[in-house]
Amino acid sequence: MLVHIVFWRLAESGNGSSREANALELKRRFDALRGVIPGMTRCDVGIDVSNGLESSHVALYSEFESRAALDAYQTHKAHQDIVAFLKTVRTERRVVDYEA
């Protein structure tokens, strides 16, 4: 199994919406991926509540059956639609992929 974790910091506003609205939209879009991406066995999105200076605003925790499943997810149209949205609202991205 492969774990894929991503953290984003979002702009104060972007795509015509506030940071908070964009965080909720990100969560909605990732929640809609459940059952859509072959080989994705888990997809959880959390919105930061600590509001610390070093905090990310949104976190994605996802699990995949294999490296091939993660690779397929990266190019899947549903994921690419989220990537396009993210490019309009994020200021920073950090990612970790590891075998579990």
C-alpha atoms as a PDB file:
ATOM      1  CA  MET A   1       0.000   0.000   0.000  1.00  0.00           C
ATOM      2  CA  LEU A   2       1.160   3.530  -0.757  1.00  0.00           C
ATOM      3  CA  VAL A   3       0.255   6.532   1.410  1.00  0.00           C
ATOM      4  CA  HIS A   4       0.026   9.943  -0.277  1.00  0.00           C
ATOM      5  CA  ILE A   5      -0.118  13.017   1.987  1.00  0.00           C
ATOM      6  CA  VAL A   6      -0.317  16.589   0.752  1.00  0.00           C
ATOM      7  CA  PHE A   7      -0.423  19.866   2.671  1.00  0.00           C
ATOM      8  CA  TRP A   8      -1.448  23.177   1.099  1.00  0.00           C
ATOM      9  CA  ARG A   9      -1.319  26.774   2.177  1.00  0.00           C
ATOM     10  CA  LEU A  10      -3.967  28.816   0.418  1.00  0.00           C
ATOM     11  CA  ALA A  11      -4.001  32.445  -0.649  1.00  0.00           C
ATOM     12  CA  GLU A  12      -6.137  34.815   1.418  1.00  0.00           C
ATOM     13  CA  SER A  13      -8.430  34.884  -1.602  1.00  0.00           C
ATOM     14  CA  GLY A  14      -8.341  33.187  -4.951  1.00  0.00           C
ATOM     15  CA  ASN A  15     -10.597  32.227  -7.797  1.00  0.00           C
ATOM     16  CA  GLY A  16     -13.032  34.898  -6.569  1.00  0.00           C
ATOM     17  CA  SER A  17     -13.506  33.301  -3.134  1.00  0.00           C
ATOM     18  CA  SER A  18     -12.093  33.545   0.374  1.00  0.00           C
ATOM     19  CA  ARG A  19      -9.481  31.145   1.760  1.00  0.00           C
ATOM     20  CA  GLU A  20     -12.172  29.498   3.905  1.00  0.00           C
ATOM     21  CA  ALA A  21     -14.523  29.007   0.952  1.00  0.00           C
ATOM     22  CA  ASN A  22     -11.706  27.593  -1.174  1.00  0.00           C
ATOM     23  CA  ALA A  23     -10.714  25.176   1.595  1.00  0.00           C
ATOM     24  CA  LEU A  24     -14.306  23.925   1.783  1.00  0.00           C
ATOM     25  CA  GLU A  25     -14.438  23.623  -2.008  1.00  0.00           C
ATOM     26  CA  LEU A  26     -11.215  21.611  -1.985  1.00  0.00           C
ATOM     27  CA  LYS A  27     -12.675  19.260   0.611  1.00  0.00           C
ATOM     28  CA  ARG A  28     -15.871  18.876  -1.427  1.00  0.00           C
ATOM     29  CA  ARG A  29     -13.920  18.068  -4.584  1.00  0.00           C
ATOM     30  CA  PHE A  30     -11.674  15.495  -2.910  1.00  0.00           C
ATOM     31  CA  ASP A  31     -14.629  13.903  -1.097  1.00  0.00           C
ATOM     32  CA  ALA A  32     -16.247  13.435  -4.526  1.00  0.00           C
ATOM     33  CA  LEU A  33     -13.241  11.334  -5.639  1.00  0.00           C
ATOM     34  CA  ARG A  34     -14.181   8.468  -3.309  1.00  0.00           C
ATOM     35  CA  GLY A  35     -15.122   5.475  -5.427  1.00  0.00           C
ATOM     36  CA  VAL A  36     -14.071   7.244  -8.634  1.00  0.00           C
ATOM     37  CA  ILE A  37     -10.323   6.593  -8.722  1.00  0.00           C
ATOM     38  CA  PRO A  38      -9.395   2.911  -9.264  1.00  0.00           C
ATOM     39  CA  GLY A  39      -7.002   1.673  -6.585  1.00  0.00           C
ATOM     40  CA  MET A  40      -7.646   4.585  -4.198  1.00  0.00           C
ATOM     41  CA  THR A  41      -8.716   2.948  -0.945  1.00  0.00           C
ATOM     42  CA  ARG A  42      -8.916   6.042   1.264  1.00  0.00           C
ATOM     43  CA  CYS A  43      -9.273   9.776   0.729  1.00  0.00           C
ATOM     44  CA  ASP A  44      -9.600  12.120   3.716  1.00  0.00           C
ATOM     45  CA  VAL A  45      -9.304  15.891   3.677  1.00  0.00           C
ATOM     46  CA  GLY A  46      -8.950  18.046   6.765  1.00  0.00           C
ATOM     47  CA  ILE A  47      -9.139  21.798   7.153  1.00  0.00           C
ATOM     48  CA  ASP A  48      -6.802  23.270   9.759  1.00  0.00           C
ATOM     49  CA  VAL A  49      -8.428  24.616  12.917  1.00  0.00           C
ATOM     50  CA  SER A  50      -5.271  25.769  14.717  1.00  0.00           C
ATOM     51  CA  ASN A  51      -4.569  28.774  12.468  1.00  0.00           C
ATOM     52  CA  GLY A  52      -0.930  28.769  13.523  1.00  0.00           C
ATOM     53  CA  LEU A  53       1.762  30.656  11.633  1.00  0.00           C
ATOM     54  CA  GLU A  54       3.400  27.375  10.584  1.00  0.00           C
ATOM     55  CA  SER A  55       0.140  25.564   9.831  1.00  0.00           C
ATOM     56  CA  SER A  56      -0.990  24.426   6.449  1.00  0.00           C
ATOM     57  CA  HIS A  57      -4.592  25.279   5.648  1.00  0.00           C
ATOM     58  CA  VAL A  58      -5.658  21.957   4.109  1.00  0.00           C
ATOM     59  CA  ALA A  59      -4.326  18.400   4.374  1.00  0.00           C
ATOM     60  CA  LEU A  60      -5.016  15.378   2.174  1.00  0.00           C
ATOM     61  CA  TYR A  61      -4.418  11.849   3.455  1.00  0.00           C
ATOM     62  CA  SER A  62      -4.956   9.142   0.851  1.00  0.00           C
ATOM     63  CA  GLU A  63      -4.066   5.487   0.396  1.00  0.00           C
ATOM     64  CA  PHE A  64      -3.534   3.516  -2.801  1.00  0.00           C
ATOM     65  CA  GLU A  65      -3.281  -0.194  -3.481  1.00  0.00           C
ATOM     66  CA  SER A  66       0.020   0.258  -5.339  1.00  0.00           C
ATOM     67  CA  ARG A  67       2.449   2.703  -6.894  1.00  0.00           C
ATOM     68  CA  ALA A  68       0.723   2.084 -10.219  1.00  0.00           C
ATOM     69  CA  ALA A  69      -2.621   3.132  -8.686  1.00  0.00           C
ATOM     70  CA  LEU A  70      -1.062   6.354  -7.347  1.00  0.00           C
ATOM     71  CA  ASP A  71       0.501   7.052 -10.742  1.00  0.00           C
ATOM     72  CA  ALA A  72      -2.872   6.523 -12.450  1.00  0.00           C
ATOM     73  CA  TYR A  73      -4.532   8.875  -9.935  1.00  0.00           C
ATOM     74  CA  GLN A  74      -2.028  11.608 -10.761  1.00  0.00           C
ATOM     75  CA  THR A  75      -3.147  11.687 -14.414  1.00  0.00           C
ATOM     76  CA  HIS A  76      -6.856  10.857 -13.870  1.00  0.00           C
ATOM     77  CA  LYS A  77      -9.144  13.588 -15.251  1.00  0.00           C
ATOM     78  CA  ALA A  78     -11.037  13.981 -11.962  1.00  0.00           C
ATOM     79  CA  HIS A  79      -7.756  14.630 -10.141  1.00  0.00           C
ATOM     80  CA  GLN A  80      -6.444  16.920 -12.870  1.00  0.00           C
ATOM     81  CA  ASP A  81      -9.608  19.038 -12.508  1.00  0.00           C
ATOM     82  CA  ILE A  82      -8.736  19.511  -8.812  1.00  0.00           C
ATOM     83  CA  VAL A  83      -5.124  20.325  -9.707  1.00  0.00           C
ATOM     84  CA  ALA A  84      -6.344  23.067 -12.069  1.00  0.00           C
ATOM     85  CA  PHE A  85      -8.489  24.547  -9.278  1.00  0.00           C
ATOM     86  CA  LEU A  86      -5.627  24.305  -6.789  1.00  0.00           C
ATOM     87  CA  LYS A  87      -3.303  26.257  -9.054  1.00  0.00           C
ATOM     88  CA  THR A  88      -5.676  29.230  -8.726  1.00  0.00           C
ATOM     89  CA  VAL A  89      -5.868  29.169  -4.911  1.00  0.00           C
ATOM     90  CA  ARG A  90      -2.683  27.715  -3.391  1.00  0.00           C
ATOM     91  CA  THR A  91       0.516  29.437  -2.406  1.00  0.00           C
ATOM     92  CA  GLU A  92       2.447  26.411  -1.187  1.00  0.00           C
ATOM     93  CA  ARG A  93       2.348  22.614  -1.496  1.00  0.00           C
ATOM     94  CA  ARG A  94       4.189  19.861   0.378  1.00  0.00           C
ATOM     95  CA  VAL A  95       3.868  16.178  -0.412  1.00  0.00           C
ATOM     96  CA  VAL A  96       5.047  12.874   1.081  1.00  0.00           C
ATOM     97  CA  ASP A  97       4.535   9.437  -0.490  1.00  0.00           C
ATOM     98  CA  TYR A  98       5.575   6.335   1.426  1.00  0.00           C
ATOM     99  CA  GLU A  99       5.008   2.600   1.512  1.00  0.00           C
ATOM    100  CA  ALA A 100       3.063   1.306   4.473  1.00  0.00           C
END
